Amino acid sequence: MVIRLRVLLADDHTIFRKALRMALEMAPDIEIVAEAVDGNGVLKGVGESRPDVVCMDLSMPGLDGVAATRQLLALYPEVRVVGLSGHVDLLRVAEMIGAGALGYVVKTAAGTDLIPAIRAVSQDRTYISQELGIQSIGDLDRLVQAPVGQETPSSR
């Protein structure tokens, strides 16, 4: 018997969210249990559906993904979060990781990265899209703290 990971998708772009849902539902070990269009919807949806993992867009109206992640994990520390965004700015990535997300997937790589990210964070492992040009959270910390003018992967 396959253990299914319960996932909540949060993104304010309906077409993108529906496409993600279709792609994720093809994985035998993933079940989409709820969707949300903003951070408040995430908090409500997690309370009702109790997902294992939330795929959280950073830029949503009202309560954005970073603030929603902080509030979510204060209420439900057992839930794991994957940040999901078009932003490749390492400062935004660092904000999301600092809020408690264990993973970060760039939307342009969601087709290949989101399923492995969900699986990794569900096992308390980190996952960072290769498109960001970093290998670990430690690399992110060092690059974010680099002196002004020093090259980072997102500035190449």
C-alpha atoms as a PDB file:
ATOM      1  CA  MET A   1       0.000   0.000   0.000  1.00  0.00           C
ATOM      2  CA  VAL A   2       1.329   3.433  -0.987  1.00  0.00           C
ATOM      3  CA  ILE A   3       1.282   6.088   1.717  1.00  0.00           C
ATOM      4  CA  ARG A   4      -0.154   9.220   0.168  1.00  0.00           C
ATOM      5  CA  LEU A   5       1.167  12.649   1.039  1.00  0.00           C
ATOM      6  CA  ARG A   6      -1.648  15.111   1.636  1.00  0.00           C
ATOM      7  CA  VAL A   7      -0.930  18.418  -0.117  1.00  0.00           C
ATOM      8  CA  LEU A   8      -2.526  21.857  -0.097  1.00  0.00           C
ATOM      9  CA  LEU A   9      -1.788  24.067  -3.133  1.00  0.00           C
ATOM     10  CA  ALA A  10      -1.713  27.834  -2.561  1.00  0.00           C
ATOM     11  CA  ASP A  11      -1.452  30.128  -5.584  1.00  0.00           C
ATOM     12  CA  ASP A  12      -3.619  33.042  -6.666  1.00  0.00           C
ATOM     13  CA  HIS A  13      -3.268  32.186 -10.371  1.00  0.00           C
ATOM     14  CA  THR A  14      -6.050  29.699 -11.076  1.00  0.00           C
ATOM     15  CA  ILE A  15      -4.649  28.301 -14.316  1.00  0.00           C
ATOM     16  CA  PHE A  16      -1.225  27.671 -12.780  1.00  0.00           C
ATOM     17  CA  ARG A  17      -2.759  26.092  -9.667  1.00  0.00           C
ATOM     18  CA  LYS A  18      -5.000  23.811 -11.736  1.00  0.00           C
ATOM     19  CA  ALA A  19      -2.046  22.752 -13.921  1.00  0.00           C
ATOM     20  CA  LEU A  20      -0.033  21.928 -10.796  1.00  0.00           C
ATOM     21  CA  ARG A  21      -2.930  19.930  -9.433  1.00  0.00           C
ATOM     22  CA  MET A  22      -3.171  17.861 -12.612  1.00  0.00           C
ATOM     23  CA  ALA A  23       0.577  17.192 -12.642  1.00  0.00           C
ATOM     24  CA  LEU A  24       0.756  16.288  -8.956  1.00  0.00           C
ATOM     25  CA  GLU A  25      -2.268  14.011  -9.071  1.00  0.00           C
ATOM     26  CA  MET A  26      -0.382  11.777 -11.527  1.00  0.00           C
ATOM     27  CA  ALA A  27       2.056  10.879  -8.742  1.00  0.00           C
ATOM     28  CA  PRO A  28       0.750   7.761  -6.942  1.00  0.00           C
ATOM     29  CA  ASP A  29       1.895   9.026  -3.537  1.00  0.00           C
ATOM     30  CA  ILE A  30       0.402  12.549  -3.653  1.00  0.00           C
ATOM     31  CA  GLU A  31      -3.168  13.587  -2.936  1.00  0.00           C
ATOM     32  CA  ILE A  32      -4.341  17.190  -3.281  1.00  0.00           C
ATOM     33  CA  VAL A  33      -6.629  17.781  -0.291  1.00  0.00           C
ATOM     34  CA  ALA A  34      -7.217  21.544  -0.634  1.00  0.00           C
ATOM     35  CA  GLU A  35      -6.422  24.682  -2.606  1.00  0.00           C
ATOM     36  CA  ALA A  36      -6.132  28.321  -1.562  1.00  0.00           C
ATOM     37  CA  VAL A  37      -5.771  31.641  -3.363  1.00  0.00           C
ATOM     38  CA  ASP A  38      -4.280  33.637  -0.477  1.00  0.00           C
ATOM     39  CA  GLY A  39      -2.615  33.257   2.911  1.00  0.00           C
ATOM     40  CA  ASN A  40      -5.846  33.449   4.876  1.00  0.00           C
ATOM     41  CA  GLY A  41      -7.250  30.681   2.703  1.00  0.00           C
ATOM     42  CA  VAL A  42      -4.163  28.609   3.476  1.00  0.00           C
ATOM     43  CA  LEU A  43      -4.692  28.929   7.224  1.00  0.00           C
ATOM     44  CA  LYS A  44      -8.360  27.987   6.891  1.00  0.00           C
ATOM     45  CA  GLY A  45      -7.611  25.150   4.457  1.00  0.00           C
ATOM     46  CA  VAL A  46      -4.925  23.631   6.682  1.00  0.00           C
ATOM     47  CA  GLY A  47      -7.276  23.713   9.652  1.00  0.00           C
ATOM     48  CA  GLU A  48      -9.951  21.880   7.654  1.00  0.00           C
ATOM     49  CA  SER A  49      -7.899  19.430   5.572  1.00  0.00           C
ATOM     50  CA  ARG A  50      -4.759  18.766   7.686  1.00  0.00           C
ATOM     51  CA  PRO A  51      -2.248  18.400   4.835  1.00  0.00           C
ATOM     52  CA  ASP A  52       1.260  17.067   5.311  1.00  0.00           C
ATOM     53  CA  VAL A  53       2.738  19.633   2.913  1.00  0.00           C
ATOM     54  CA  VAL A  54       1.704  23.088   1.713  1.00  0.00           C
ATOM     55  CA  CYS A  55       3.014  24.361  -1.622  1.00  0.00           C
ATOM     56  CA  MET A  56       2.987  28.100  -0.920  1.00  0.00           C
ATOM     57  CA  ASP A  57       3.216  30.834  -3.534  1.00  0.00           C
ATOM     58  CA  LEU A  58       5.158  33.826  -2.208  1.00  0.00           C
ATOM     59  CA  SER A  59       3.189  36.566  -3.967  1.00  0.00           C
ATOM     60  CA  MET A  60      -0.480  36.318  -3.083  1.00  0.00           C
ATOM     61  CA  PRO A  61      -2.959  39.105  -2.295  1.00  0.00           C
ATOM     62  CA  GLY A  62      -3.550  40.020   1.329  1.00  0.00           C
ATOM     63  CA  LEU A  63      -1.472  37.731   3.511  1.00  0.00           C
ATOM     64  CA  ASP A  64       1.520  36.825   1.325  1.00  0.00           C
ATOM     65  CA  GLY A  65       3.341  33.500   1.338  1.00  0.00           C
ATOM     66  CA  VAL A  66       6.095  34.500   3.764  1.00  0.00           C
ATOM     67  CA  ALA A  67       3.683  35.865   6.385  1.00  0.00           C
ATOM     68  CA  ALA A  68       1.298  32.955   5.855  1.00  0.00           C
ATOM     69  CA  THR A  69       4.151  30.467   6.342  1.00  0.00           C
ATOM     70  CA  ARG A  70       5.116  32.092   9.658  1.00  0.00           C
ATOM     71  CA  GLN A  71       1.524  32.017  10.918  1.00  0.00           C
ATOM     72  CA  LEU A  72       0.883  28.525   9.583  1.00  0.00           C
ATOM     73  CA  LEU A  73       3.900  27.008  11.302  1.00  0.00           C
ATOM     74  CA  ALA A  74       3.108  28.769  14.584  1.00  0.00           C
ATOM     75  CA  LEU A  75      -0.317  27.092  14.529  1.00  0.00           C
ATOM     76  CA  TYR A  76       0.593  23.792  12.857  1.00  0.00           C
ATOM     77  CA  PRO A  77       4.316  23.054  13.356  1.00  0.00           C
ATOM     78  CA  GLU A  78       3.926  19.536  11.960  1.00  0.00           C
ATOM     79  CA  VAL A  79       3.068  20.850   8.462  1.00  0.00           C
ATOM     80  CA  ARG A  80       5.916  21.191   5.981  1.00  0.00           C
ATOM     81  CA  VAL A  81       6.099  24.054   3.479  1.00  0.00           C
ATOM     82  CA  VAL A  82       7.557  24.322  -0.001  1.00  0.00           C
ATOM     83  CA  GLY A  83       7.880  27.911  -1.221  1.00  0.00           C
ATOM     84  CA  LEU A  84       6.756  28.234  -4.821  1.00  0.00           C
ATOM     85  CA  SER A  85       7.496  31.344  -6.816  1.00  0.00           C
ATOM     86  CA  GLY A  86       8.722  32.940  -9.980  1.00  0.00           C
ATOM     87  CA  HIS A  87      11.201  34.909  -7.862  1.00  0.00           C
ATOM     88  CA  VAL A  88      14.812  33.856  -8.221  1.00  0.00           C
ATOM     89  CA  ASP A  89      15.998  36.678  -5.951  1.00  0.00           C
ATOM     90  CA  LEU A  90      18.020  35.007  -3.194  1.00  0.00           C
ATOM     91  CA  LEU A  91      16.775  37.508  -0.609  1.00  0.00           C
ATOM     92  CA  ARG A  92      13.180  36.394  -1.273  1.00  0.00           C
ATOM     93  CA  VAL A  93      14.292  32.771  -1.077  1.00  0.00           C
ATOM     94  CA  ALA A  94      16.014  33.513   2.247  1.00  0.00           C
ATOM     95  CA  GLU A  95      12.845  35.197   3.562  1.00  0.00           C
ATOM     96  CA  MET A  96      10.791  32.108   2.780  1.00  0.00           C
ATOM     97  CA  ILE A  97      13.333  29.724   4.307  1.00  0.00           C
ATOM     98  CA  GLY A  98      13.617  32.048   7.308  1.00  0.00           C
ATOM     99  CA  ALA A  99       9.835  31.852   7.734  1.00  0.00           C
ATOM    100  CA  GLY A 100      10.173  28.080   8.090  1.00  0.00           C
ATOM    101  CA  ALA A 101       9.809  26.603   4.602  1.00  0.00           C
ATOM    102  CA  LEU A 102      12.009  23.559   4.037  1.00  0.00           C
ATOM    103  CA  GLY A 103      11.887  23.820   0.268  1.00  0.00           C
ATOM    104  CA  TYR A 104      11.819  26.393  -2.493  1.00  0.00           C
ATOM    105  CA  VAL A 105      10.806  25.676  -6.076  1.00  0.00           C
ATOM    106  CA  VAL A 106      11.008  28.168  -8.924  1.00  0.00           C
ATOM    107  CA  LYS A 107       7.762  28.081 -10.909  1.00  0.00           C
ATOM    108  CA  THR A 108       9.568  27.562 -14.208  1.00  0.00           C
ATOM    109  CA  ALA A 109      10.999  24.331 -12.760  1.00  0.00           C
ATOM    110  CA  ALA A 110       7.826  23.168 -11.012  1.00  0.00           C
ATOM    111  CA  GLY A 111       7.243  20.436 -13.598  1.00  0.00           C
ATOM    112  CA  THR A 112      10.452  18.658 -12.609  1.00  0.00           C
ATOM    113  CA  ASP A 113      11.101  19.936  -9.081  1.00  0.00           C
ATOM    114  CA  LEU A 114       7.811  20.077  -7.206  1.00  0.00           C
ATOM    115  CA  ILE A 115       7.191  16.356  -6.706  1.00  0.00           C
ATOM    116  CA  PRO A 116      10.744  15.692  -5.407  1.00  0.00           C
ATOM    117  CA  ALA A 117      10.449  18.804  -3.220  1.00  0.00           C
ATOM    118  CA  ILE A 118       7.183  17.601  -1.674  1.00  0.00           C
ATOM    119  CA  ARG A 119       8.692  14.193  -0.991  1.00  0.00           C
ATOM    120  CA  ALA A 120      11.862  15.689   0.511  1.00  0.00           C
ATOM    121  CA  VAL A 121      10.180  18.150   2.863  1.00  0.00           C
ATOM    122  CA  SER A 122       7.705  15.509   4.006  1.00  0.00           C
ATOM    123  CA  GLN A 123      10.784  13.671   5.348  1.00  0.00           C
ATOM    124  CA  ASP A 124      12.161  16.850   6.977  1.00  0.00           C
ATOM    125  CA  ARG A 125      14.796  17.299   4.264  1.00  0.00           C
ATOM    126  CA  THR A 126      15.421  20.545   2.414  1.00  0.00           C
ATOM    127  CA  TYR A 127      14.935  21.002  -1.314  1.00  0.00           C
ATOM    128  CA  ILE A 128      16.103  23.971  -3.391  1.00  0.00           C
ATOM    129  CA  SER A 129      15.481  24.292  -7.148  1.00  0.00           C
ATOM    130  CA  GLN A 130      18.687  23.905  -9.126  1.00  0.00           C
ATOM    131  CA  GLU A 131      17.707  27.025 -11.085  1.00  0.00           C
ATOM    132  CA  LEU A 132      18.718  29.071  -8.046  1.00  0.00           C
ATOM    133  CA  GLY A 133      22.324  27.959  -8.442  1.00  0.00           C
ATOM    134  CA  ILE A 134      22.794  26.961  -4.806  1.00  0.00           C
ATOM    135  CA  GLN A 135      23.211  23.525  -3.301  1.00  0.00           C
ATOM    136  CA  SER A 136      22.065  24.016   0.278  1.00  0.00           C
ATOM    137  CA  ILE A 137      20.539  26.330   2.844  1.00  0.00           C
ATOM    138  CA  GLY A 138      24.104  26.970   4.075  1.00  0.00           C
ATOM    139  CA  ASP A 139      25.051  28.252   0.619  1.00  0.00           C
ATOM    140  CA  LEU A 140      22.012  30.525   0.694  1.00  0.00           C
ATOM    141  CA  ASP A 141      23.022  31.965   4.075  1.00  0.00           C
ATOM    142  CA  ARG A 142      26.562  32.688   2.842  1.00  0.00           C
ATOM    143  CA  LEU A 143      25.402  34.300  -0.402  1.00  0.00           C
ATOM    144  CA  VAL A 144      22.744  36.468   1.235  1.00  0.00           C
ATOM    145  CA  GLN A 145      25.355  37.740   3.683  1.00  0.00           C
ATOM    146  CA  ALA A 146      27.973  38.340   0.923  1.00  0.00           C
ATOM    147  CA  PRO A 147      29.399  41.870   0.656  1.00  0.00           C
ATOM    148  CA  VAL A 148      27.704  44.247  -1.789  1.00  0.00           C
ATOM    149  CA  GLY A 149      29.102  43.821  -5.299  1.00  0.00           C
ATOM    150  CA  GLN A 150      30.077  40.185  -4.818  1.00  0.00           C
ATOM    151  CA  GLU A 151      28.620  37.929  -7.486  1.00  0.00           C
ATOM    152  CA  THR A 152      25.741  35.636  -6.528  1.00  0.00           C
ATOM    153  CA  PRO A 153      24.114  32.934  -8.660  1.00  0.00           C
ATOM    154  CA  SER A 154      21.084  35.148  -9.326  1.00  0.00           C
ATOM    155  CA  SER A 155      23.267  38.007 -10.573  1.00  0.00           C
ATOM    156  CA  ARG A 156      25.133  36.012 -13.237  1.00  0.00           C
END
